[in-house]
C-alpha cells in the first residue's frame, strides 16, 4: 500500500503545517493532532486512528525557572490539570494524568 501512495506523500514541518496542507487543498488526507480535528470538526470529516497503530504521544508542560512569572505559570498548570481547566483539556482530546489532577 505504501508503494501506491509514496509519490503523493507531503510532509508538514509540524502538526499545524500538516493541517494547513489540508485546509489549502494541497493534501487530500492528513494525519493531525486530535485537538485540531475536534476544533475543526464542523468543516472536515475526521477519523480517530486506532491506538494500536501508534505509540502514545506524550506531551509535557513546565514553568521556565528563570522566568519573572513562575507563579503565574504554575497557576496556569494548576488550572489546566484540575476542575474546569481539566474539562477544557479533555474536551479537546487531551488526557490529564490522574497524578496531576
PDB file of N, CA and C in Angstrom:
ATOM      1  N   UNK A   1       0.823  -1.188   0.000  1.00  0.00           N
ATOM      2  CA  UNK A   1       0.000   0.000   0.000  1.00  0.00           C
ATOM      3  C   UNK A   1       0.870   1.256   0.000  1.00  0.00           C
ATOM      4  N   UNK A   2       1.932   1.252   0.797  1.00  0.00           N
ATOM      5  CA  UNK A   2       2.807   2.414   0.850  1.00  0.00           C
ATOM      6  C   UNK A   2       3.355   2.751  -0.532  1.00  0.00           C
ATOM      7  N   UNK A   3       3.710   1.745  -1.307  1.00  0.00           N
ATOM      8  CA  UNK A   3       4.229   1.975  -2.657  1.00  0.00           C
ATOM      9  C   UNK A   3       3.210   2.682  -3.548  1.00  0.00           C
ATOM     10  N   UNK A   4       1.927   2.448  -3.293  1.00  0.00           N
ATOM     11  CA  UNK A   4       0.872   3.068  -4.104  1.00  0.00           C
ATOM     12  C   UNK A   4       0.742   4.564  -3.852  1.00  0.00           C
ATOM     13  N   UNK A   5       1.141   5.025  -2.669  1.00  0.00           N
ATOM     14  CA  UNK A   5       0.936   6.437  -2.318  1.00  0.00           C
ATOM     15  C   UNK A   5       2.225   7.207  -2.058  1.00  0.00           C
ATOM     16  N   UNK A   6       3.354   6.548  -2.022  1.00  0.00           N
ATOM     17  CA  UNK A   6       4.587   7.220  -1.594  1.00  0.00           C
ATOM     18  C   UNK A   6       4.930   8.444  -2.436  1.00  0.00           C
ATOM     19  N   UNK A   7       4.597   8.446  -3.715  1.00  0.00           N
ATOM     20  CA  UNK A   7       4.884   9.599  -4.569  1.00  0.00           C
ATOM     21  C   UNK A   7       3.929  10.762  -4.317  1.00  0.00           C
ATOM     22  N   UNK A   8       2.864  10.506  -3.569  1.00  0.00           N
ATOM     23  CA  UNK A   8       1.878  11.544  -3.277  1.00  0.00           C
ATOM     24  C   UNK A   8       2.039  12.120  -1.868  1.00  0.00           C
ATOM     25  N   UNK A   9       2.932  11.562  -1.070  1.00  0.00           N
ATOM     26  CA  UNK A   9       3.077  11.991   0.319  1.00  0.00           C
ATOM     27  C   UNK A   9       3.692  13.382   0.404  1.00  0.00           C
ATOM     28  N   UNK A  10       3.110  14.199   1.269  1.00  0.00           N
ATOM     29  CA  UNK A  10       3.616  15.534   1.571  1.00  0.00           C
ATOM     30  C   UNK A  10       3.789  15.577   3.087  1.00  0.00           C
ATOM     31  N   UNK A  11       4.947  15.961   3.530  1.00  0.00           N
ATOM     32  CA  UNK A  11       5.223  16.004   4.967  1.00  0.00           C
ATOM     33  C   UNK A  11       5.202  17.446   5.450  1.00  0.00           C
ATOM     34  N   UNK A  12       4.447  17.692   6.495  1.00  0.00           N
ATOM     35  CA  UNK A  12       4.450  19.007   7.115  1.00  0.00           C
ATOM     36  C   UNK A  12       5.614  19.130   8.072  1.00  0.00           C
ATOM     37  N   UNK A  13       6.033  20.347   8.335  1.00  0.00           N
ATOM     38  CA  UNK A  13       7.116  20.573   9.305  1.00  0.00           C
ATOM     39  C   UNK A  13       6.653  20.313  10.723  1.00  0.00           C
ATOM     40  N   UNK A  14       5.347  20.417  10.928  1.00  0.00           N
ATOM     41  CA  UNK A  14       4.756  20.185  12.244  1.00  0.00           C
ATOM     42  C   UNK A  14       3.263  19.907  12.042  1.00  0.00           C
ATOM     43  N   UNK A  15       2.550  19.700  13.104  1.00  0.00           N
ATOM     44  CA  UNK A  15       1.125  19.360  13.023  1.00  0.00           C
ATOM     45  C   UNK A  15       0.324  20.488  12.380  1.00  0.00           C
ATOM     46  N   UNK A  16       0.616  21.720  12.753  1.00  0.00           N
ATOM     47  CA  UNK A  16      -0.114  22.850  12.175  1.00  0.00           C
ATOM     48  C   UNK A  16       0.125  22.950  10.681  1.00  0.00           C
ATOM     49  N   UNK A  17       1.353  22.751  10.263  1.00  0.00           N
ATOM     50  CA  UNK A  17       1.675  22.790   8.839  1.00  0.00           C
ATOM     51  C   UNK A  17       0.931  21.677   8.090  1.00  0.00           C
ATOM     52  N   UNK A  18       0.842  20.514   8.698  1.00  0.00           N
ATOM     53  CA  UNK A  18       0.099  19.416   8.073  1.00  0.00           C
ATOM     54  C   UNK A  18      -1.374  19.793   7.914  1.00  0.00           C
ATOM     55  N   UNK A  19      -1.921  20.463   8.917  1.00  0.00           N
ATOM     56  CA  UNK A  19      -3.321  20.884   8.821  1.00  0.00           C
ATOM     57  C   UNK A  19      -3.497  21.947   7.737  1.00  0.00           C
ATOM     58  N   UNK A  20      -2.556  22.848   7.598  1.00  0.00           N
ATOM     59  CA  UNK A  20      -2.619  23.865   6.539  1.00  0.00           C
ATOM     60  C   UNK A  20      -2.641  23.198   5.168  1.00  0.00           C
ATOM     61  N   UNK A  21      -1.905  22.104   5.011  1.00  0.00           N
ATOM     62  CA  UNK A  21      -1.910  21.380   3.742  1.00  0.00           C
ATOM     63  C   UNK A  21      -3.318  20.872   3.414  1.00  0.00           C
ATOM     64  N   UNK A  22      -4.056  20.464   4.437  1.00  0.00           N
ATOM     65  CA  UNK A  22      -5.438  20.019   4.247  1.00  0.00           C
ATOM     66  C   UNK A  22      -6.323  21.220   3.921  1.00  0.00           C
ATOM     67  N   UNK A  23      -6.198  22.281   4.722  1.00  0.00           N
ATOM     68  CA  UNK A  23      -7.036  23.480   4.535  1.00  0.00           C
ATOM     69  C   UNK A  23      -6.901  24.081   3.142  1.00  0.00           C
ATOM     70  N   UNK A  24      -5.695  24.106   2.631  1.00  0.00           N
ATOM     71  CA  UNK A  24      -5.444  24.740   1.336  1.00  0.00           C
ATOM     72  C   UNK A  24      -5.707  23.813   0.160  1.00  0.00           C
ATOM     73  N   UNK A  25      -6.010  22.546   0.443  1.00  0.00           N
ATOM     74  CA  UNK A  25      -6.269  21.594  -0.628  1.00  0.00           C
ATOM     75  C   UNK A  25      -5.005  21.001  -1.221  1.00  0.00           C
ATOM     76  N   UNK A  26      -3.845  21.282  -0.621  1.00  0.00           N
ATOM     77  CA  UNK A  26      -2.589  20.705  -1.098  1.00  0.00           C
ATOM     78  C   UNK A  26      -2.438  19.249  -0.681  1.00  0.00           C
ATOM     79  N   UNK A  27      -3.312  18.799   0.210  1.00  0.00           N
ATOM     80  CA  UNK A  27      -3.348  17.391   0.611  1.00  0.00           C
ATOM     81  C   UNK A  27      -4.808  16.987   0.745  1.00  0.00           C
ATOM     82  N   UNK A  28      -5.126  15.818   0.242  1.00  0.00           N
ATOM     83  CA  UNK A  28      -6.500  15.320   0.344  1.00  0.00           C
ATOM     84  C   UNK A  28      -6.767  14.689   1.707  1.00  0.00           C
ATOM     85  N   UNK A  29      -5.718  14.184   2.317  1.00  0.00           N
ATOM     86  CA  UNK A  29      -5.816  13.493   3.597  1.00  0.00           C
ATOM     87  C   UNK A  29      -4.602  13.890   4.421  1.00  0.00           C
ATOM     88  N   UNK A  30      -4.760  13.978   5.731  1.00  0.00           N
ATOM     89  CA  UNK A  30      -3.623  14.294   6.580  1.00  0.00           C
ATOM     90  C   UNK A  30      -3.767  13.675   7.954  1.00  0.00           C
ATOM     91  N   UNK A  31      -2.653  13.464   8.583  1.00  0.00           N
ATOM     92  CA  UNK A  31      -2.646  13.000   9.973  1.00  0.00           C
ATOM     93  C   UNK A  31      -2.281  14.207  10.821  1.00  0.00           C
ATOM     94  N   UNK A  32      -3.215  14.583  11.699  1.00  0.00           N
ATOM     95  CA  UNK A  32      -3.021  15.780  12.522  1.00  0.00           C
ATOM     96  C   UNK A  32      -3.361  15.470  13.970  1.00  0.00           C
ATOM     97  N   UNK A  33      -3.159  16.444  14.830  1.00  0.00           N
ATOM     98  CA  UNK A  33      -3.483  16.288  16.246  1.00  0.00           C
ATOM     99  C   UNK A  33      -4.996  16.188  16.437  1.00  0.00           C
ATOM    100  N   UNK A  34      -5.399  15.356  17.353  1.00  0.00           N
ATOM    101  CA  UNK A  34      -6.813  15.173  17.674  1.00  0.00           C
ATOM    102  C   UNK A  34      -7.457  16.499  18.047  1.00  0.00           C
ATOM    103  N   UNK A  35      -6.745  17.328  18.789  1.00  0.00           N
ATOM    104  CA  UNK A  35      -7.307  18.615  19.215  1.00  0.00           C
ATOM    105  C   UNK A  35      -7.626  19.508  18.016  1.00  0.00           C
ATOM    106  N   UNK A  36      -6.810  19.473  16.965  1.00  0.00           N
ATOM    107  CA  UNK A  36      -7.114  20.235  15.752  1.00  0.00           C
ATOM    108  C   UNK A  36      -8.341  19.671  15.053  1.00  0.00           C
ATOM    109  N   UNK A  37      -8.482  18.362  15.068  1.00  0.00           N
ATOM    110  CA  UNK A  37      -9.655  17.747  14.468  1.00  0.00           C
ATOM    111  C   UNK A  37     -10.927  18.152  15.178  1.00  0.00           C
ATOM    112  N   UNK A  38     -10.895  18.113  16.508  1.00  0.00           N
ATOM    113  CA  UNK A  38     -12.071  18.488  17.290  1.00  0.00           C
ATOM    114  C   UNK A  38     -12.419  19.956  17.038  1.00  0.00           C
ATOM    115  N   UNK A  39     -11.429  20.806  17.007  1.00  0.00           N
ATOM    116  CA  UNK A  39     -11.661  22.240  16.819  1.00  0.00           C
ATOM    117  C   UNK A  39     -12.210  22.562  15.431  1.00  0.00           C
ATOM    118  N   UNK A  40     -12.030  21.672  14.482  1.00  0.00           N
ATOM    119  CA  UNK A  40     -12.445  21.928  13.103  1.00  0.00           C
ATOM    120  C   UNK A  40     -13.424  20.892  12.567  1.00  0.00           C
ATOM    121  N   UNK A  41     -14.073  20.165  13.459  1.00  0.00           N
ATOM    122  CA  UNK A  41     -14.921  19.062  13.007  1.00  0.00           C
ATOM    123  C   UNK A  41     -16.149  19.513  12.228  1.00  0.00           C
ATOM    124  N   UNK A  42     -16.537  20.776  12.316  1.00  0.00           N
ATOM    125  CA  UNK A  42     -17.675  21.256  11.525  1.00  0.00           C
ATOM    126  C   UNK A  42     -17.316  21.385  10.049  1.00  0.00           C
ATOM    127  N   UNK A  43     -16.041  21.599   9.752  1.00  0.00           N
ATOM    128  CA  UNK A  43     -15.600  21.833   8.379  1.00  0.00           C
ATOM    129  C   UNK A  43     -14.992  20.602   7.702  1.00  0.00           C
ATOM    130  N   UNK A  44     -14.586  19.618   8.488  1.00  0.00           N
ATOM    131  CA  UNK A  44     -13.886  18.461   7.939  1.00  0.00           C
ATOM    132  C   UNK A  44     -14.388  17.189   8.592  1.00  0.00           C
ATOM    133  N   UNK A  45     -14.167  16.066   7.933  1.00  0.00           N
ATOM    134  CA  UNK A  45     -14.506  14.763   8.495  1.00  0.00           C
ATOM    135  C   UNK A  45     -13.225  14.123   9.022  1.00  0.00           C
ATOM    136  N   UNK A  46     -13.206  13.793  10.295  1.00  0.00           N
ATOM    137  CA  UNK A  46     -12.025  13.201  10.907  1.00  0.00           C
ATOM    138  C   UNK A  46     -12.342  11.817  11.434  1.00  0.00           C
ATOM    139  N   UNK A  47     -11.353  10.949  11.380  1.00  0.00           N
ATOM    140  CA  UNK A  47     -11.457   9.593  11.903  1.00  0.00           C
ATOM    141  C   UNK A  47     -10.307   9.404  12.886  1.00  0.00           C
ATOM    142  N   UNK A  48     -10.622   8.966  14.070  1.00  0.00           N
ATOM    143  CA  UNK A  48      -9.609   8.731  15.083  1.00  0.00           C
ATOM    144  C   UNK A  48      -8.821   7.477  14.725  1.00  0.00           C
ATOM    145  N   UNK A  49      -7.494   7.591  14.699  1.00  0.00           N
ATOM    146  CA  UNK A  49      -6.649   6.431  14.400  1.00  0.00           C
ATOM    147  C   UNK A  49      -6.693   5.436  15.553  1.00  0.00           C
ATOM    148  N   UNK A  50      -6.695   4.184  15.228  1.00  0.00           N
ATOM    149  CA  UNK A  50      -6.686   3.125  16.223  1.00  0.00           C
ATOM    150  C   UNK A  50      -5.422   3.263  17.070  1.00  0.00           C
ATOM    151  N   UNK A  51      -5.591   3.257  18.375  1.00  0.00           N
ATOM    152  CA  UNK A  51      -4.449   3.417  19.288  1.00  0.00           C
ATOM    153  C   UNK A  51      -3.399   2.322  19.124  1.00  0.00           C
ATOM    154  N   UNK A  52      -3.779   1.187  18.574  1.00  0.00           N
ATOM    155  CA  UNK A  52      -2.823   0.106  18.375  1.00  0.00           C
ATOM    156  C   UNK A  52      -1.880   0.367  17.199  1.00  0.00           C
ATOM    157  N   UNK A  53      -2.179   1.391  16.396  1.00  0.00           N
ATOM    158  CA  UNK A  53      -1.342   1.712  15.236  1.00  0.00           C
ATOM    159  C   UNK A  53      -0.167   2.628  15.575  1.00  0.00           C
ATOM    160  N   UNK A  54      -0.138   3.148  16.807  1.00  0.00           N
ATOM    161  CA  UNK A  54       0.935   4.077  17.170  1.00  0.00           C
ATOM    162  C   UNK A  54       1.199   4.044  18.665  1.00  0.00           C
ATOM    163  N   UNK A  55       2.384   4.476  19.028  1.00  0.00           N
ATOM    164  CA  UNK A  55       2.709   4.632  20.439  1.00  0.00           C
ATOM    165  C   UNK A  55       2.005   5.872  20.969  1.00  0.00           C
ATOM    166  N   UNK A  56       1.744   5.922  22.268  1.00  0.00           N
ATOM    167  CA  UNK A  56       1.128   7.124  22.836  1.00  0.00           C
ATOM    168  C   UNK A  56       2.006   8.350  22.579  1.00  0.00           C
ATOM    169  N   UNK A  57       1.367   9.460  22.342  1.00  0.00           N
ATOM    170  CA  UNK A  57       2.088  10.718  22.167  1.00  0.00           C
ATOM    171  C   UNK A  57       2.030  11.449  23.499  1.00  0.00           C
ATOM    172  N   UNK A  58       3.158  11.533  24.155  1.00  0.00           N
ATOM    173  CA  UNK A  58       3.205  12.166  25.468  1.00  0.00           C
ATOM    174  C   UNK A  58       3.696  13.594  25.325  1.00  0.00           C
ATOM    175  N   UNK A  59       2.983  14.505  25.962  1.00  0.00           N
ATOM    176  CA  UNK A  59       3.353  15.907  25.941  1.00  0.00           C
ATOM    177  C   UNK A  59       3.595  16.354  27.370  1.00  0.00           C
ATOM    178  N   UNK A  60       4.401  17.366  27.529  1.00  0.00           N
ATOM    179  CA  UNK A  60       4.706  17.865  28.866  1.00  0.00           C
ATOM    180  C   UNK A  60       4.419  19.360  28.939  1.00  0.00           C
ATOM    181  N   UNK A  61       4.298  19.828  30.146  1.00  0.00           N
ATOM    182  CA  UNK A  61       4.150  21.258  30.394  1.00  0.00           C
ATOM    183  C   UNK A  61       5.083  21.596  31.537  1.00  0.00           C
ATOM    184  N   UNK A  62       5.657  22.758  31.492  1.00  0.00           N
ATOM    185  CA  UNK A  62       6.576  23.150  32.552  1.00  0.00           C
ATOM    186  C   UNK A  62       6.670  24.657  32.662  1.00  0.00           C
ATOM    187  N   UNK A  63       7.240  25.088  33.750  1.00  0.00           N
ATOM    188  CA  UNK A  63       7.465  26.500  34.000  1.00  0.00           C
ATOM    189  C   UNK A  63       8.961  26.748  33.896  1.00  0.00           C
ATOM    190  N   UNK A  64       9.332  27.746  33.127  1.00  0.00           N
ATOM    191  CA  UNK A  64      10.740  28.091  32.967  1.00  0.00           C
ATOM    192  C   UNK A  64      11.228  28.713  34.275  1.00  0.00           C
ATOM    193  N   UNK A  65      12.233  28.111  34.864  1.00  0.00           N
ATOM    194  CA  UNK A  65      12.675  28.518  36.202  1.00  0.00           C
ATOM    195  C   UNK A  65      13.218  29.944  36.265  1.00  0.00           C
ATOM    196  N   UNK A  66      13.739  30.474  35.161  1.00  0.00           N
ATOM    197  CA  UNK A  66      14.311  31.822  35.193  1.00  0.00           C
ATOM    198  C   UNK A  66      13.298  32.902  34.799  1.00  0.00           C
ATOM    199  N   UNK A  67      12.045  32.506  34.604  1.00  0.00           N
ATOM    200  CA  UNK A  67      11.006  33.464  34.238  1.00  0.00           C
ATOM    201  C   UNK A  67      10.671  34.381  35.405  1.00  0.00           C
ATOM    202  N   UNK A  68      10.233  35.579  35.085  1.00  0.00           N
ATOM    203  CA  UNK A  68       9.733  36.502  36.108  1.00  0.00           C
ATOM    204  C   UNK A  68       8.286  36.177  36.474  1.00  0.00           C
ATOM    205  N   UNK A  69       7.716  35.147  35.843  1.00  0.00           N
ATOM    206  CA  UNK A  69       6.304  34.829  36.028  1.00  0.00           C
ATOM    207  C   UNK A  69       6.093  33.368  36.409  1.00  0.00           C
ATOM    208  N   UNK A  70       6.970  32.839  37.243  1.00  0.00           N
ATOM    209  CA  UNK A  70       6.847  31.430  37.613  1.00  0.00           C
ATOM    210  C   UNK A  70       5.548  31.152  38.368  1.00  0.00           C
ATOM    211  N   UNK A  71       5.111  32.088  39.199  1.00  0.00           N
ATOM    212  CA  UNK A  71       3.862  31.879  39.946  1.00  0.00           C
ATOM    213  C   UNK A  71       2.670  31.790  38.995  1.00  0.00           C
ATOM    214  N   UNK A  72       2.649  32.674  37.984  1.00  0.00           N
ATOM    215  CA  UNK A  72       1.563  32.650  37.006  1.00  0.00           C
ATOM    216  C   UNK A  72       1.613  31.365  36.173  1.00  0.00           C
ATOM    217  N   UNK A  73       2.823  30.950  35.812  1.00  0.00           N
ATOM    218  CA  UNK A  73       2.978  29.712  35.059  1.00  0.00           C
ATOM    219  C   UNK A  73       2.465  28.522  35.845  1.00  0.00           C
ATOM    220  N   UNK A  74       2.807  28.455  37.121  1.00  0.00           N
ATOM    221  CA  UNK A  74       2.327  27.360  37.964  1.00  0.00           C
ATOM    222  C   UNK A  74       0.821  27.433  38.132  1.00  0.00           C
ATOM    223  N   UNK A  75       0.276  28.641  38.237  1.00  0.00           N
ATOM    224  CA  UNK A  75      -1.179  28.794  38.356  1.00  0.00           C
ATOM    225  C   UNK A  75      -1.878  28.269  37.096  1.00  0.00           C
ATOM    226  N   UNK A  76      -1.277  28.504  35.922  1.00  0.00           N
ATOM    227  CA  UNK A  76      -1.852  28.002  34.684  1.00  0.00           C
ATOM    228  C   UNK A  76      -1.825  26.477  34.666  1.00  0.00           C
ATOM    229  N   UNK A  77      -0.718  25.893  35.071  1.00  0.00           N
ATOM    230  CA  UNK A  77      -0.623  24.434  35.138  1.00  0.00           C
ATOM    231  C   UNK A  77      -1.682  23.880  36.093  1.00  0.00           C
ATOM    232  N   UNK A  78      -1.818  24.520  37.245  1.00  0.00           N
ATOM    233  CA  UNK A  78      -2.828  24.077  38.213  1.00  0.00           C
ATOM    234  C   UNK A  78      -4.224  24.162  37.607  1.00  0.00           C
ATOM    235  N   UNK A  79      -4.485  25.217  36.844  1.00  0.00           N
ATOM    236  CA  UNK A  79      -5.797  25.397  36.218  1.00  0.00           C
ATOM    237  C   UNK A  79      -6.100  24.292  35.217  1.00  0.00           C
ATOM    238  N   UNK A  80      -5.157  23.987  34.329  1.00  0.00           N
ATOM    239  CA  UNK A  80      -5.471  23.007  33.281  1.00  0.00           C
ATOM    240  C   UNK A  80      -5.391  21.559  33.747  1.00  0.00           C
ATOM    241  N   UNK A  81      -4.971  21.348  34.967  1.00  0.00           N
ATOM    242  CA  UNK A  81      -4.907  19.968  35.468  1.00  0.00           C
ATOM    243  C   UNK A  81      -5.985  19.673  36.508  1.00  0.00           C
ATOM    244  N   UNK A  82      -6.863  20.635  36.762  1.00  0.00           N
ATOM    245  CA  UNK A  82      -7.940  20.431  37.734  1.00  0.00           C
ATOM    246  C   UNK A  82      -9.218  21.116  37.259  1.00  0.00           C
ATOM    247  N   UNK A  83     -10.333  20.717  37.811  1.00  0.00           N
ATOM    248  CA  UNK A  83     -11.607  21.394  37.619  1.00  0.00           C
ATOM    249  C   UNK A  83     -11.972  21.720  36.186  1.00  0.00           C
ATOM    250  N   UNK A  84     -12.435  22.961  35.992  1.00  0.00           N
ATOM    251  CA  UNK A  84     -12.933  23.359  34.671  1.00  0.00           C
ATOM    252  C   UNK A  84     -11.827  23.393  33.629  1.00  0.00           C
ATOM    253  N   UNK A  85     -10.610  23.705  34.020  1.00  0.00           N
ATOM    254  CA  UNK A  85      -9.499  23.689  33.083  1.00  0.00           C
ATOM    255  C   UNK A  85      -9.217  22.293  32.572  1.00  0.00           C
ATOM    256  N   UNK A  86      -9.306  21.316  33.455  1.00  0.00           N
ATOM    257  CA  UNK A  86      -9.118  19.921  33.062  1.00  0.00           C
ATOM    258  C   UNK A  86     -10.219  19.504  32.093  1.00  0.00           C
ATOM    259  N   UNK A  87     -11.444  19.957  32.346  1.00  0.00           N
ATOM    260  CA  UNK A  87     -12.561  19.653  31.446  1.00  0.00           C
ATOM    261  C   UNK A  87     -12.304  20.218  30.050  1.00  0.00           C
ATOM    262  N   UNK A  88     -11.781  21.435  29.976  1.00  0.00           N
ATOM    263  CA  UNK A  88     -11.461  22.043  28.677  1.00  0.00           C
ATOM    264  C   UNK A  88     -10.422  21.192  27.960  1.00  0.00           C
ATOM    265  N   UNK A  89      -9.367  20.801  28.658  1.00  0.00           N
ATOM    266  CA  UNK A  89      -8.327  19.972  28.043  1.00  0.00           C
ATOM    267  C   UNK A  89      -8.920  18.663  27.528  1.00  0.00           C
ATOM    268  N   UNK A  90      -9.758  18.028  28.327  1.00  0.00           N
ATOM    269  CA  UNK A  90     -10.359  16.757  27.932  1.00  0.00           C
ATOM    270  C   UNK A  90     -11.323  16.933  26.757  1.00  0.00           C
ATOM    271  N   UNK A  91     -12.019  18.075  26.700  1.00  0.00           N
ATOM    272  CA  UNK A  91     -12.913  18.349  25.572  1.00  0.00           C
ATOM    273  C   UNK A  91     -12.145  18.456  24.261  1.00  0.00           C
ATOM    274  N   UNK A  92     -10.874  18.806  24.336  1.00  0.00           N
ATOM    275  CA  UNK A  92     -10.033  18.886  23.144  1.00  0.00           C
ATOM    276  C   UNK A  92      -9.173  17.642  22.953  1.00  0.00           C
ATOM    277  N   UNK A  93      -9.523  16.573  23.653  1.00  0.00           N
ATOM    278  CA  UNK A  93      -8.892  15.287  23.413  1.00  0.00           C
ATOM    279  C   UNK A  93      -7.644  14.995  24.221  1.00  0.00           C
ATOM    280  N   UNK A  94      -7.285  15.872  25.140  1.00  0.00           N
ATOM    281  CA  UNK A  94      -6.103  15.622  25.963  1.00  0.00           C
ATOM    282  C   UNK A  94      -6.493  14.774  27.164  1.00  0.00           C
ATOM    283  N   UNK A  95      -5.602  13.898  27.553  1.00  0.00           N
ATOM    284  CA  UNK A  95      -5.809  13.087  28.743  1.00  0.00           C
ATOM    285  C   UNK A  95      -4.896  13.631  29.819  1.00  0.00           C
ATOM    286  N   UNK A  96      -5.500  14.130  30.894  1.00  0.00           N
ATOM    287  CA  UNK A  96      -4.717  14.660  32.004  1.00  0.00           C
ATOM    288  C   UNK A  96      -4.478  13.514  32.981  1.00  0.00           C
ATOM    289  N   UNK A  97      -3.215  13.133  33.179  1.00  0.00           N
ATOM    290  CA  UNK A  97      -2.923  12.011  34.086  1.00  0.00           C
ATOM    291  C   UNK A  97      -3.496  12.254  35.487  1.00  0.00           C
ATOM    292  N   UNK A  98      -3.992  11.212  36.087  1.00  0.00           N
ATOM    293  CA  UNK A  98      -4.604  11.308  37.409  1.00  0.00           C
ATOM    294  C   UNK A  98      -3.665  11.889  38.458  1.00  0.00           C
ATOM    295  N   UNK A  99      -2.364  11.589  38.335  1.00  0.00           N
ATOM    296  CA  UNK A  99      -1.439  12.101  39.349  1.00  0.00           C
ATOM    297  C   UNK A  99      -1.285  13.616  39.276  1.00  0.00           C
ATOM    298  N   UNK A 100      -1.728  14.230  38.184  1.00  0.00           N
ATOM    299  CA  UNK A 100      -1.685  15.686  38.069  1.00  0.00           C
ATOM    300  C   UNK A 100      -2.965  16.342  38.537  1.00  0.00           C
ATOM    301  N   UNK A 101      -4.051  15.603  38.518  1.00  0.00           N
ATOM    302  CA  UNK A 101      -5.347  16.217  38.849  1.00  0.00           C
ATOM    303  C   UNK A 101      -5.733  15.952  40.275  1.00  0.00           C
TER     304      UNK A 101
END
